[in-house]
Amino acid sequence: MADGPPAEIRALAGGRTVSFDLAGGPADGLDALPGVRSVQVRGGRVALTTDDADATVLALAGTRGFQNLEVTTAALDAAFLALTTTAMTRTTTPTTRTAAPTTRTTTPTEH
């Protein structure tokens, strides 16, 4: 489990979000920008999850037009969910247990 100041916990959860309006351009190729891990497009608004916001923004500025650029860190509650979901996935992997064989000794009874 993560322990530390809020900024450290947010960083462990996975980078920053770079969001912007497409300004009429296509969304194609955004996943190839440096540092980008995921792309979400809702209407004309794009949200890129990135490990390197500086490199992502520089590449974005050099390749296409955009408006209303915003760079944010993960909210603390989102960071908590990301970290605990990852931890839960690792600890809830199914395992197969086999029972130890049992032996029973019987002795004949005399009548």
C-alpha atoms as a PDB file:
ATOM      1  CA  MET A   1       0.000   0.000   0.000  1.00  0.00           C
ATOM      2  CA  ALA A   2       1.167   3.541  -0.710  1.00  0.00           C
ATOM      3  CA  ASP A   3       2.252   5.762   2.130  1.00  0.00           C
ATOM      4  CA  GLY A   4       3.402   9.353   1.850  1.00  0.00           C
ATOM      5  CA  PRO A   5       2.333  12.913   1.122  1.00  0.00           C
ATOM      6  CA  PRO A   6      -0.639  13.403  -1.239  1.00  0.00           C
ATOM      7  CA  ALA A   7       1.597  14.500  -4.138  1.00  0.00           C
ATOM      8  CA  GLU A   8       3.608  11.271  -3.852  1.00  0.00           C
ATOM      9  CA  ILE A   9       0.473   9.132  -3.787  1.00  0.00           C
ATOM     10  CA  ARG A  10      -0.907  10.939  -6.852  1.00  0.00           C
ATOM     11  CA  ALA A  11       2.372  10.332  -8.704  1.00  0.00           C
ATOM     12  CA  LEU A  12       2.245   6.612  -7.885  1.00  0.00           C
ATOM     13  CA  ALA A  13      -1.223   6.429  -9.395  1.00  0.00           C
ATOM     14  CA  GLY A  14       0.009   7.349 -12.809  1.00  0.00           C
ATOM     15  CA  GLY A  15       0.997  10.700 -14.095  1.00  0.00           C
ATOM     16  CA  ARG A  16      -1.105  13.573 -15.278  1.00  0.00           C
ATOM     17  CA  THR A  17      -4.029  14.320 -17.527  1.00  0.00           C
ATOM     18  CA  VAL A  18      -3.574  16.643 -20.492  1.00  0.00           C
ATOM     19  CA  SER A  19      -6.931  17.780 -21.801  1.00  0.00           C
ATOM     20  CA  PHE A  20      -7.880  20.153 -24.614  1.00  0.00           C
ATOM     21  CA  ASP A  21     -10.440  20.936 -27.285  1.00  0.00           C
ATOM     22  CA  LEU A  22      -9.608  19.539 -30.728  1.00  0.00           C
ATOM     23  CA  ALA A  23     -10.258  22.838 -32.540  1.00  0.00           C
ATOM     24  CA  GLY A  24     -11.664  20.994 -35.534  1.00  0.00           C
ATOM     25  CA  GLY A  25      -8.735  18.618 -36.014  1.00  0.00           C
ATOM     26  CA  PRO A  26      -8.789  14.822 -35.941  1.00  0.00           C
ATOM     27  CA  ALA A  27      -8.108  12.724 -32.855  1.00  0.00           C
ATOM     28  CA  ASP A  28      -6.047  10.223 -34.865  1.00  0.00           C
ATOM     29  CA  GLY A  29      -2.490   9.591 -33.675  1.00  0.00           C
ATOM     30  CA  LEU A  30      -2.853  11.058 -30.195  1.00  0.00           C
ATOM     31  CA  ASP A  31      -1.942   7.702 -28.665  1.00  0.00           C
ATOM     32  CA  ALA A  32       1.467   7.959 -30.374  1.00  0.00           C
ATOM     33  CA  LEU A  33       2.445  11.175 -28.564  1.00  0.00           C
ATOM     34  CA  PRO A  34       5.308  10.746 -26.074  1.00  0.00           C
ATOM     35  CA  GLY A  35       4.256   9.522 -22.630  1.00  0.00           C
ATOM     36  CA  VAL A  36       0.608   8.915 -23.536  1.00  0.00           C
ATOM     37  CA  ARG A  37      -0.916   5.837 -21.885  1.00  0.00           C
ATOM     38  CA  SER A  38      -4.568   6.371 -22.760  1.00  0.00           C
ATOM     39  CA  VAL A  39      -6.781   8.620 -24.890  1.00  0.00           C
ATOM     40  CA  GLN A  40     -10.398   9.534 -24.208  1.00  0.00           C
ATOM     41  CA  VAL A  41     -12.434  11.659 -26.613  1.00  0.00           C
ATOM     42  CA  ARG A  42     -15.820  13.023 -25.558  1.00  0.00           C
ATOM     43  CA  GLY A  43     -17.378  15.266 -28.136  1.00  0.00           C
ATOM     44  CA  GLY A  44     -14.616  17.650 -29.142  1.00  0.00           C
ATOM     45  CA  ARG A  45     -12.753  17.361 -25.801  1.00  0.00           C
ATOM     46  CA  VAL A  46      -9.732  15.082 -25.456  1.00  0.00           C
ATOM     47  CA  ALA A  47      -8.185  13.742 -22.233  1.00  0.00           C
ATOM     48  CA  LEU A  48      -4.741  12.134 -22.465  1.00  0.00           C
ATOM     49  CA  THR A  49      -3.350  10.221 -19.504  1.00  0.00           C
ATOM     50  CA  THR A  50       0.408  10.636 -19.685  1.00  0.00           C
ATOM     51  CA  ASP A  51       3.548   9.753 -17.763  1.00  0.00           C
ATOM     52  CA  ASP A  52       5.352  12.842 -19.150  1.00  0.00           C
ATOM     53  CA  ALA A  53       3.040  15.851 -19.490  1.00  0.00           C
ATOM     54  CA  ASP A  54       5.847  18.156 -20.669  1.00  0.00           C
ATOM     55  CA  ALA A  55       6.845  15.905 -23.571  1.00  0.00           C
ATOM     56  CA  THR A  56       3.194  15.276 -24.448  1.00  0.00           C
ATOM     57  CA  VAL A  57       2.339  19.000 -24.586  1.00  0.00           C
ATOM     58  CA  LEU A  58       5.471  19.883 -26.572  1.00  0.00           C
ATOM     59  CA  ALA A  59       4.732  17.201 -29.160  1.00  0.00           C
ATOM     60  CA  LEU A  60       1.071  18.210 -29.255  1.00  0.00           C
ATOM     61  CA  ALA A  61       1.959  21.853 -29.879  1.00  0.00           C
ATOM     62  CA  GLY A  62       4.261  20.871 -32.723  1.00  0.00           C
ATOM     63  CA  THR A  63       1.793  18.637 -34.537  1.00  0.00           C
ATOM     64  CA  ARG A  64      -1.743  20.050 -34.304  1.00  0.00           C
ATOM     65  CA  GLY A  65      -3.966  22.875 -33.233  1.00  0.00           C
ATOM     66  CA  PHE A  66      -5.860  22.830 -29.969  1.00  0.00           C
ATOM     67  CA  GLN A  67      -7.684  25.154 -27.587  1.00  0.00           C
ATOM     68  CA  ASN A  68      -8.285  25.337 -23.843  1.00  0.00           C
ATOM     69  CA  LEU A  69      -5.268  23.267 -22.782  1.00  0.00           C
ATOM     70  CA  GLU A  70      -5.346  21.997 -19.215  1.00  0.00           C
ATOM     71  CA  VAL A  71      -2.805  19.840 -17.358  1.00  0.00           C
ATOM     72  CA  THR A  72      -3.931  18.263 -14.076  1.00  0.00           C
ATOM     73  CA  THR A  73      -2.657  15.693 -11.626  1.00  0.00           C
ATOM     74  CA  ALA A  74      -4.808  12.802 -10.516  1.00  0.00           C
ATOM     75  CA  ALA A  75      -7.245  13.699  -7.761  1.00  0.00           C
ATOM     76  CA  LEU A  76      -6.372  12.054  -4.475  1.00  0.00           C
ATOM     77  CA  ASP A  77      -9.517   9.901  -4.539  1.00  0.00           C
ATOM     78  CA  ALA A  78      -8.728   8.745  -8.102  1.00  0.00           C
ATOM     79  CA  ALA A  79      -5.167   7.948  -7.019  1.00  0.00           C
ATOM     80  CA  PHE A  80      -6.500   5.948  -4.068  1.00  0.00           C
ATOM     81  CA  LEU A  81      -8.835   3.968  -6.322  1.00  0.00           C
ATOM     82  CA  ALA A  82      -6.092   3.277  -8.866  1.00  0.00           C
ATOM     83  CA  LEU A  83      -3.688   2.072  -6.183  1.00  0.00           C
ATOM     84  CA  THR A  84      -6.181  -0.047  -4.258  1.00  0.00           C
ATOM     85  CA  THR A  85      -7.614  -1.594  -7.419  1.00  0.00           C
ATOM     86  CA  THR A  86      -4.100  -2.617  -8.458  1.00  0.00           C
ATOM     87  CA  ALA A  87      -3.379  -3.996  -4.991  1.00  0.00           C
ATOM     88  CA  MET A  88      -6.682  -5.884  -4.906  1.00  0.00           C
ATOM     89  CA  THR A  89      -6.004  -7.420  -8.323  1.00  0.00           C
ATOM     90  CA  ARG A  90      -2.633  -8.684  -7.141  1.00  0.00           C
ATOM     91  CA  THR A  91      -3.979 -10.157  -3.906  1.00  0.00           C
ATOM     92  CA  THR A  92      -7.118 -11.765  -5.286  1.00  0.00           C
ATOM     93  CA  THR A  93      -5.518 -13.915  -7.944  1.00  0.00           C
ATOM     94  CA  PRO A  94      -7.184 -17.317  -7.638  1.00  0.00           C
ATOM     95  CA  THR A  95      -5.090 -20.150  -6.360  1.00  0.00           C
ATOM     96  CA  THR A  96      -5.754 -23.840  -6.513  1.00  0.00           C
ATOM     97  CA  ARG A  97      -5.362 -25.809  -3.348  1.00  0.00           C
ATOM     98  CA  THR A  98      -5.271 -29.552  -3.246  1.00  0.00           C
ATOM     99  CA  ALA A  99      -6.139 -31.480  -0.170  1.00  0.00           C
ATOM    100  CA  ALA A 100      -3.502 -33.728   1.273  1.00  0.00           C
ATOM    101  CA  PRO A 101      -4.264 -37.357   0.590  1.00  0.00           C
ATOM    102  CA  THR A 102      -5.684 -39.206   3.533  1.00  0.00           C
ATOM    103  CA  THR A 103      -4.928 -42.813   4.333  1.00  0.00           C
ATOM    104  CA  ARG A 104      -7.019 -45.018   6.429  1.00  0.00           C
ATOM    105  CA  THR A 105      -5.820 -48.214   7.947  1.00  0.00           C
ATOM    106  CA  THR A 106      -8.382 -50.827   8.742  1.00  0.00           C
ATOM    107  CA  THR A 107      -7.826 -53.958  10.670  1.00  0.00           C
ATOM    108  CA  PRO A 108      -9.967 -57.018  10.127  1.00  0.00           C
ATOM    109  CA  THR A 109     -12.196 -57.844  12.989  1.00  0.00           C
ATOM    110  CA  GLU A 110     -12.477 -61.378  14.279  1.00  0.00           C
ATOM    111  CA  HIS A 111     -15.821 -62.996  14.959  1.00  0.00           C
END
